[in-house]
């Protein structure tokens, strides 16, 4: 149950930060917080059957990058990702900003909730995600 809570909490933090970016004013460019937020919302909320093949590829690139670049050390999340990691695979730099903010908020949640087994919860959450995909 805790793994499921953590998984949803991380997605929620990521999603809520994206929402706050969305409220900072409308831009018309393709690479904007608003468009990145809309894309992330679609990736999280819609089943594969409602996504285009390009969207599925992009979503998987995003989720795989986060999975590879987010680690747990001393019961806190850290990332080794850079903006360049996102742009090299064709993703918006705003995903990097969302990730950094999400990690900060998730770490605060871990402290507030007194979570002591973050590493095992995170491993289990990642395993569940990849098992679901296969």
N, C-alpha and C. Protein backbone atom coordinates (compact mmCIF):
# COMPACT_ATOMS: atom_id res chain seq x y z
N UNK A 1 0.83 -1.20 0.00
CA UNK A 1 0.00 0.00 0.00
C UNK A 1 0.87 1.26 0.00
N UNK A 2 1.96 1.24 0.81
CA UNK A 2 2.83 2.41 0.87
C UNK A 2 3.47 2.68 -0.49
N UNK A 3 3.81 1.62 -1.23
CA UNK A 3 4.41 1.78 -2.56
C UNK A 3 3.44 2.49 -3.48
N UNK A 4 2.20 2.08 -3.44
CA UNK A 4 1.20 2.72 -4.29
C UNK A 4 1.03 4.19 -3.92
N UNK A 5 1.03 4.49 -2.61
CA UNK A 5 0.93 5.88 -2.16
C UNK A 5 2.10 6.70 -2.66
N UNK A 6 3.30 6.13 -2.56
CA UNK A 6 4.50 6.84 -3.00
C UNK A 6 4.43 7.09 -4.50
N UNK A 7 4.05 6.09 -5.25
CA UNK A 7 3.96 6.23 -6.70
C UNK A 7 2.99 7.36 -7.06
N UNK A 8 1.83 7.36 -6.45
CA UNK A 8 0.85 8.41 -6.73
C UNK A 8 1.31 9.76 -6.20
N UNK A 9 2.00 9.76 -5.07
CA UNK A 9 2.51 11.03 -4.54
C UNK A 9 3.52 11.65 -5.49
N UNK A 10 4.43 10.83 -6.01
CA UNK A 10 5.43 11.35 -6.94
C UNK A 10 4.78 11.89 -8.21
N UNK A 11 3.86 11.12 -8.74
CA UNK A 11 3.15 11.59 -9.94
C UNK A 11 2.36 12.86 -9.63
N UNK A 12 1.76 12.90 -8.45
CA UNK A 12 0.98 14.08 -8.07
C UNK A 12 1.87 15.31 -7.92
N UNK A 13 3.02 15.16 -7.28
CA UNK A 13 3.93 16.29 -7.15
C UNK A 13 4.37 16.77 -8.52
N UNK A 14 4.71 15.84 -9.38
CA UNK A 14 5.14 16.18 -10.74
C UNK A 14 4.01 16.91 -11.46
N UNK A 15 2.81 16.38 -11.33
CA UNK A 15 1.63 16.95 -11.99
C UNK A 15 1.28 18.32 -11.41
N UNK A 16 1.30 18.46 -10.08
CA UNK A 16 0.96 19.74 -9.45
C UNK A 16 1.96 20.82 -9.80
N UNK A 17 3.24 20.46 -9.87
CA UNK A 17 4.22 21.46 -10.27
C UNK A 17 3.96 21.89 -11.71
N UNK A 18 3.63 20.94 -12.54
CA UNK A 18 3.31 21.28 -13.93
C UNK A 18 2.12 22.22 -13.98
N UNK A 19 1.13 21.98 -13.13
CA UNK A 19 -0.03 22.85 -13.06
C UNK A 19 0.36 24.26 -12.65
N UNK A 20 1.27 24.38 -11.68
CA UNK A 20 1.68 25.72 -11.26
C UNK A 20 2.45 26.42 -12.38
N UNK A 21 3.21 25.68 -13.14
CA UNK A 21 3.89 26.27 -14.30
C UNK A 21 2.87 26.74 -15.33
N UNK A 22 1.80 25.98 -15.47
CA UNK A 22 0.76 26.31 -16.44
C UNK A 22 0.07 27.62 -16.10
N UNK A 23 0.01 27.96 -14.84
CA UNK A 23 -0.70 29.16 -14.41
C UNK A 23 0.15 30.43 -14.48
N UNK A 24 1.36 30.35 -14.99
CA UNK A 24 2.24 31.51 -15.02
C UNK A 24 2.03 32.38 -16.25
N UNK A 25 1.06 32.11 -17.04
CA UNK A 25 0.81 32.94 -18.22
C UNK A 25 0.90 32.12 -19.48
N UNK A 26 0.09 32.45 -20.46
CA UNK A 26 0.05 31.67 -21.69
C UNK A 26 1.15 32.10 -22.65
N UNK A 27 1.77 31.13 -23.27
CA UNK A 27 2.76 31.36 -24.31
C UNK A 27 2.29 30.60 -25.54
N UNK A 28 2.72 31.04 -26.69
CA UNK A 28 2.28 30.38 -27.91
C UNK A 28 3.34 29.47 -28.50
N UNK A 29 4.55 29.46 -27.94
CA UNK A 29 5.60 28.63 -28.49
C UNK A 29 5.37 27.17 -28.16
N UNK A 30 5.94 26.31 -29.00
CA UNK A 30 5.78 24.88 -28.79
C UNK A 30 6.45 24.42 -27.49
N UNK A 31 7.63 24.95 -27.18
CA UNK A 31 8.36 24.58 -25.97
C UNK A 31 8.04 25.59 -24.88
N UNK A 32 6.92 25.39 -24.23
CA UNK A 32 6.49 26.30 -23.17
C UNK A 32 6.02 25.47 -21.97
N UNK A 33 5.94 26.09 -20.81
CA UNK A 33 5.41 25.36 -19.65
C UNK A 33 4.00 24.83 -19.90
N UNK A 34 3.19 25.62 -20.60
CA UNK A 34 1.80 25.22 -20.85
C UNK A 34 1.73 23.97 -21.72
N UNK A 35 2.50 23.95 -22.80
CA UNK A 35 2.47 22.79 -23.69
C UNK A 35 3.08 21.57 -23.02
N UNK A 36 4.13 21.78 -22.24
CA UNK A 36 4.75 20.67 -21.52
C UNK A 36 3.77 20.12 -20.49
N UNK A 37 3.08 21.00 -19.79
CA UNK A 37 2.07 20.58 -18.83
C UNK A 37 0.98 19.76 -19.53
N UNK A 38 0.48 20.25 -20.64
CA UNK A 38 -0.57 19.52 -21.37
C UNK A 38 -0.11 18.16 -21.82
N UNK A 39 1.13 18.09 -22.27
CA UNK A 39 1.69 16.82 -22.70
C UNK A 39 1.82 15.85 -21.53
N UNK A 40 2.35 16.33 -20.41
CA UNK A 40 2.49 15.48 -19.22
C UNK A 40 1.13 15.00 -18.73
N UNK A 41 0.17 15.89 -18.72
CA UNK A 41 -1.18 15.53 -18.28
C UNK A 41 -1.73 14.40 -19.16
N UNK A 42 -1.51 14.52 -20.45
CA UNK A 42 -1.97 13.49 -21.38
C UNK A 42 -1.25 12.17 -21.11
N UNK A 43 0.07 12.22 -20.88
CA UNK A 43 0.84 11.01 -20.62
C UNK A 43 0.36 10.29 -19.37
N UNK A 44 -0.01 11.05 -18.35
CA UNK A 44 -0.41 10.47 -17.07
C UNK A 44 -1.86 9.97 -17.10
N UNK A 45 -2.75 10.75 -17.71
CA UNK A 45 -4.17 10.47 -17.61
C UNK A 45 -4.72 9.52 -18.68
N UNK A 46 -4.13 9.53 -19.86
CA UNK A 46 -4.72 8.77 -20.95
C UNK A 46 -4.10 7.39 -21.10
N UNK A 47 -4.93 6.40 -21.41
CA UNK A 47 -4.39 5.07 -21.68
C UNK A 47 -3.65 5.06 -23.02
N UNK A 48 -2.81 4.07 -23.20
CA UNK A 48 -2.05 3.95 -24.45
C UNK A 48 -2.94 4.00 -25.68
N UNK A 49 -4.12 3.44 -25.57
CA UNK A 49 -5.02 3.36 -26.73
C UNK A 49 -5.47 4.74 -27.22
N UNK A 50 -5.36 5.77 -26.37
CA UNK A 50 -5.76 7.12 -26.76
C UNK A 50 -4.56 8.01 -27.10
N UNK A 51 -3.36 7.46 -27.03
CA UNK A 51 -2.16 8.21 -27.38
C UNK A 51 -1.70 7.78 -28.77
N UNK A 52 -1.08 8.72 -29.48
CA UNK A 52 -0.50 8.38 -30.77
C UNK A 52 0.79 7.58 -30.52
N UNK A 53 1.29 6.94 -31.55
CA UNK A 53 2.54 6.18 -31.38
C UNK A 53 3.69 7.12 -31.02
N UNK A 54 3.70 8.33 -31.59
CA UNK A 54 4.73 9.31 -31.24
C UNK A 54 4.63 9.72 -29.78
N UNK A 55 3.42 9.89 -29.27
CA UNK A 55 3.23 10.26 -27.87
C UNK A 55 3.69 9.15 -26.93
N UNK A 56 3.43 7.91 -27.31
CA UNK A 56 3.86 6.78 -26.49
C UNK A 56 5.38 6.72 -26.44
N UNK A 57 6.02 6.93 -27.58
CA UNK A 57 7.49 6.93 -27.62
C UNK A 57 8.03 8.05 -26.74
N UNK A 58 7.45 9.23 -26.85
CA UNK A 58 7.91 10.39 -26.07
C UNK A 58 7.69 10.15 -24.57
N UNK A 59 6.53 9.63 -24.22
CA UNK A 59 6.23 9.34 -22.81
C UNK A 59 7.22 8.33 -22.25
N UNK A 60 7.49 7.29 -23.02
CA UNK A 60 8.42 6.27 -22.56
C UNK A 60 9.83 6.83 -22.40
N UNK A 61 10.23 7.72 -23.31
CA UNK A 61 11.54 8.37 -23.17
C UNK A 61 11.60 9.16 -21.87
N UNK A 62 10.54 9.91 -21.57
CA UNK A 62 10.48 10.70 -20.35
C UNK A 62 10.55 9.81 -19.12
N UNK A 63 9.69 8.80 -19.05
CA UNK A 63 9.63 7.94 -17.88
C UNK A 63 10.93 7.15 -17.72
N UNK A 64 11.54 6.71 -18.82
CA UNK A 64 12.80 5.97 -18.73
C UNK A 64 13.94 6.87 -18.25
N UNK A 65 13.96 8.10 -18.74
CA UNK A 65 14.99 9.05 -18.29
C UNK A 65 14.87 9.29 -16.79
N UNK A 66 13.66 9.51 -16.33
CA UNK A 66 13.45 9.75 -14.90
C UNK A 66 13.84 8.50 -14.11
N UNK A 67 13.47 7.34 -14.60
CA UNK A 67 13.80 6.10 -13.93
C UNK A 67 15.31 5.89 -13.83
N UNK A 68 16.03 6.27 -14.88
CA UNK A 68 17.48 6.10 -14.89
C UNK A 68 18.20 7.16 -14.06
N UNK A 69 17.65 8.36 -13.99
CA UNK A 69 18.37 9.49 -13.41
C UNK A 69 17.92 9.89 -12.01
N UNK A 70 16.88 9.25 -11.49
CA UNK A 70 16.44 9.55 -10.12
C UNK A 70 16.87 8.39 -9.23
N UNK A 71 17.53 8.75 -8.14
CA UNK A 71 18.02 7.75 -7.19
C UNK A 71 17.56 8.13 -5.78
N UNK A 72 17.66 7.17 -4.91
CA UNK A 72 17.39 7.42 -3.49
C UNK A 72 18.69 7.20 -2.73
N UNK A 73 19.04 8.19 -1.93
CA UNK A 73 20.23 8.11 -1.09
C UNK A 73 19.88 8.77 0.25
N UNK A 74 20.21 8.11 1.32
CA UNK A 74 19.93 8.62 2.67
C UNK A 74 18.45 8.99 2.83
N UNK A 75 17.59 8.14 2.28
CA UNK A 75 16.13 8.29 2.39
C UNK A 75 15.60 9.59 1.77
N UNK A 76 16.28 10.05 0.73
CA UNK A 76 15.85 11.24 -0.02
C UNK A 76 16.06 10.99 -1.51
N UNK A 77 15.23 11.61 -2.33
CA UNK A 77 15.40 11.53 -3.78
C UNK A 77 16.46 12.51 -4.25
N UNK A 78 17.21 12.08 -5.24
CA UNK A 78 18.19 12.93 -5.92
C UNK A 78 18.11 12.62 -7.41
N UNK A 79 18.56 13.57 -8.22
CA UNK A 79 18.62 13.31 -9.65
C UNK A 79 19.98 13.67 -10.19
N UNK A 80 20.42 12.90 -11.15
CA UNK A 80 21.66 13.20 -11.87
C UNK A 80 21.33 13.76 -13.24
N UNK A 81 20.06 14.00 -13.50
CA UNK A 81 19.63 14.51 -14.80
C UNK A 81 20.03 15.98 -14.96
N UNK A 82 20.23 16.35 -16.21
CA UNK A 82 20.49 17.75 -16.56
C UNK A 82 19.48 18.16 -17.64
N UNK A 83 19.39 19.44 -17.87
CA UNK A 83 18.50 19.91 -18.95
C UNK A 83 18.89 19.26 -20.27
N UNK A 84 20.19 19.13 -20.48
CA UNK A 84 20.69 18.55 -21.73
C UNK A 84 20.18 17.12 -21.93
N UNK A 85 20.06 16.34 -20.84
CA UNK A 85 19.53 14.99 -20.95
C UNK A 85 18.14 14.98 -21.57
N UNK A 86 17.35 15.97 -21.23
CA UNK A 86 15.99 16.05 -21.75
C UNK A 86 15.99 16.48 -23.22
N UNK A 87 16.77 17.50 -23.53
CA UNK A 87 16.77 18.01 -24.91
C UNK A 87 17.41 17.03 -25.88
N UNK A 88 18.38 16.25 -25.41
CA UNK A 88 19.04 15.27 -26.28
C UNK A 88 18.08 14.20 -26.79
N UNK A 89 17.03 13.95 -26.04
CA UNK A 89 16.07 12.93 -26.48
C UNK A 89 14.76 13.56 -26.98
N UNK A 90 14.81 14.86 -27.25
CA UNK A 90 13.67 15.52 -27.87
C UNK A 90 12.57 15.96 -26.92
N UNK A 91 12.90 16.13 -25.65
CA UNK A 91 11.91 16.56 -24.66
C UNK A 91 12.13 18.02 -24.29
N UNK A 92 11.10 18.64 -23.81
CA UNK A 92 11.13 20.03 -23.36
C UNK A 92 12.02 20.18 -22.14
N UNK A 93 12.73 21.31 -22.07
CA UNK A 93 13.55 21.59 -20.89
C UNK A 93 12.69 21.81 -19.65
N UNK A 94 11.41 22.11 -19.85
CA UNK A 94 10.52 22.34 -18.71
C UNK A 94 10.29 21.06 -17.91
N UNK A 95 10.49 19.90 -18.53
CA UNK A 95 10.40 18.66 -17.76
C UNK A 95 11.48 18.61 -16.69
N UNK A 96 12.65 19.13 -17.00
CA UNK A 96 13.74 19.19 -16.01
C UNK A 96 13.32 20.04 -14.82
N UNK A 97 12.75 21.22 -15.10
CA UNK A 97 12.29 22.10 -14.02
C UNK A 97 11.23 21.41 -13.17
N UNK A 98 10.32 20.72 -13.81
CA UNK A 98 9.27 20.00 -13.07
C UNK A 98 9.87 18.91 -12.21
N UNK A 99 10.85 18.20 -12.75
CA UNK A 99 11.47 17.12 -12.00
C UNK A 99 12.17 17.65 -10.76
N UNK A 100 12.94 18.72 -10.90
CA UNK A 100 13.65 19.28 -9.76
C UNK A 100 12.67 19.72 -8.66
N UNK A 101 11.62 20.39 -9.05
CA UNK A 101 10.61 20.85 -8.09
C UNK A 101 9.89 19.66 -7.45
N UNK A 102 9.58 18.66 -8.25
CA UNK A 102 8.88 17.47 -7.74
C UNK A 102 9.73 16.74 -6.72
N UNK A 103 11.02 16.64 -6.99
CA UNK A 103 11.93 15.97 -6.05
C UNK A 103 11.97 16.72 -4.73
N UNK A 104 12.05 18.03 -4.81
CA UNK A 104 12.08 18.84 -3.58
C UNK A 104 10.80 18.61 -2.76
N UNK A 105 9.65 18.63 -3.43
CA UNK A 105 8.38 18.46 -2.73
C UNK A 105 8.21 17.02 -2.23
N UNK A 106 8.65 16.05 -3.01
CA UNK A 106 8.55 14.65 -2.57
C UNK A 106 9.43 14.41 -1.36
N UNK A 107 10.62 14.99 -1.33
CA UNK A 107 11.50 14.84 -0.18
C UNK A 107 10.88 15.46 1.08
N UNK A 108 10.21 16.57 0.90
CA UNK A 108 9.53 17.18 2.04
C UNK A 108 8.39 16.28 2.53
N UNK A 109 7.66 15.69 1.59
CA UNK A 109 6.59 14.76 1.94
C UNK A 109 7.14 13.57 2.71
N UNK A 110 8.29 13.03 2.27
CA UNK A 110 8.91 11.90 2.94
C UNK A 110 9.24 12.27 4.39
N UNK A 111 9.79 13.45 4.58
CA UNK A 111 10.12 13.91 5.95
C UNK A 111 8.85 14.08 6.78
N UNK A 112 7.85 14.75 6.20
CA UNK A 112 6.61 15.02 6.93
C UNK A 112 5.87 13.75 7.33
N UNK A 113 5.90 12.76 6.46
CA UNK A 113 5.18 11.51 6.71
C UNK A 113 5.99 10.51 7.52
N UNK A 114 7.27 10.82 7.74
CA UNK A 114 8.13 9.91 8.51
C UNK A 114 8.45 8.63 7.77
N UNK A 115 8.49 8.67 6.47
CA UNK A 115 8.82 7.49 5.67
C UNK A 115 10.28 7.13 5.92
N UNK A 116 10.54 5.86 6.24
CA UNK A 116 11.91 5.44 6.54
C UNK A 116 12.45 4.42 5.55
N UNK A 117 11.60 3.90 4.69
CA UNK A 117 12.02 2.87 3.74
C UNK A 117 11.84 3.35 2.29
N UNK A 118 12.24 4.57 2.01
CA UNK A 118 12.03 5.15 0.69
C UNK A 118 12.70 4.34 -0.41
N UNK A 119 13.89 3.85 -0.16
CA UNK A 119 14.62 3.11 -1.19
C UNK A 119 13.84 1.88 -1.65
N UNK A 120 13.35 1.10 -0.71
CA UNK A 120 12.60 -0.11 -1.09
C UNK A 120 11.26 0.26 -1.72
N UNK A 121 10.63 1.31 -1.25
CA UNK A 121 9.37 1.75 -1.84
C UNK A 121 9.59 2.20 -3.28
N UNK A 122 10.65 2.93 -3.52
CA UNK A 122 10.94 3.42 -4.86
C UNK A 122 11.27 2.28 -5.81
N UNK A 123 12.09 1.33 -5.35
CA UNK A 123 12.42 0.16 -6.19
C UNK A 123 11.15 -0.60 -6.55
N UNK A 124 10.31 -0.81 -5.57
CA UNK A 124 9.07 -1.54 -5.80
C UNK A 124 8.15 -0.80 -6.77
N UNK A 125 8.09 0.51 -6.63
CA UNK A 125 7.27 1.33 -7.52
C UNK A 125 7.78 1.24 -8.95
N UNK A 126 9.09 1.32 -9.13
CA UNK A 126 9.67 1.21 -10.47
C UNK A 126 9.41 -0.16 -11.07
N UNK A 127 9.56 -1.21 -10.26
CA UNK A 127 9.31 -2.56 -10.73
C UNK A 127 7.86 -2.73 -11.16
N UNK A 128 6.95 -2.18 -10.38
CA UNK A 128 5.53 -2.27 -10.72
C UNK A 128 5.24 -1.58 -12.04
N UNK A 129 5.85 -0.42 -12.26
CA UNK A 129 5.64 0.31 -13.51
C UNK A 129 6.13 -0.50 -14.70
N UNK A 130 7.33 -1.07 -14.59
CA UNK A 130 7.88 -1.80 -15.72
C UNK A 130 7.19 -3.14 -15.92
N UNK A 131 6.72 -3.78 -14.86
CA UNK A 131 5.96 -5.01 -15.01
C UNK A 131 4.63 -4.74 -15.69
N UNK A 132 4.02 -3.62 -15.36
CA UNK A 132 2.74 -3.23 -15.96
C UNK A 132 2.89 -3.03 -17.47
N UNK A 133 4.03 -2.51 -17.89
CA UNK A 133 4.26 -2.22 -19.30
C UNK A 133 4.50 -3.47 -20.12
N UNK A 134 5.03 -4.53 -19.49
CA UNK A 134 5.38 -5.74 -20.25
C UNK A 134 4.25 -6.72 -20.30
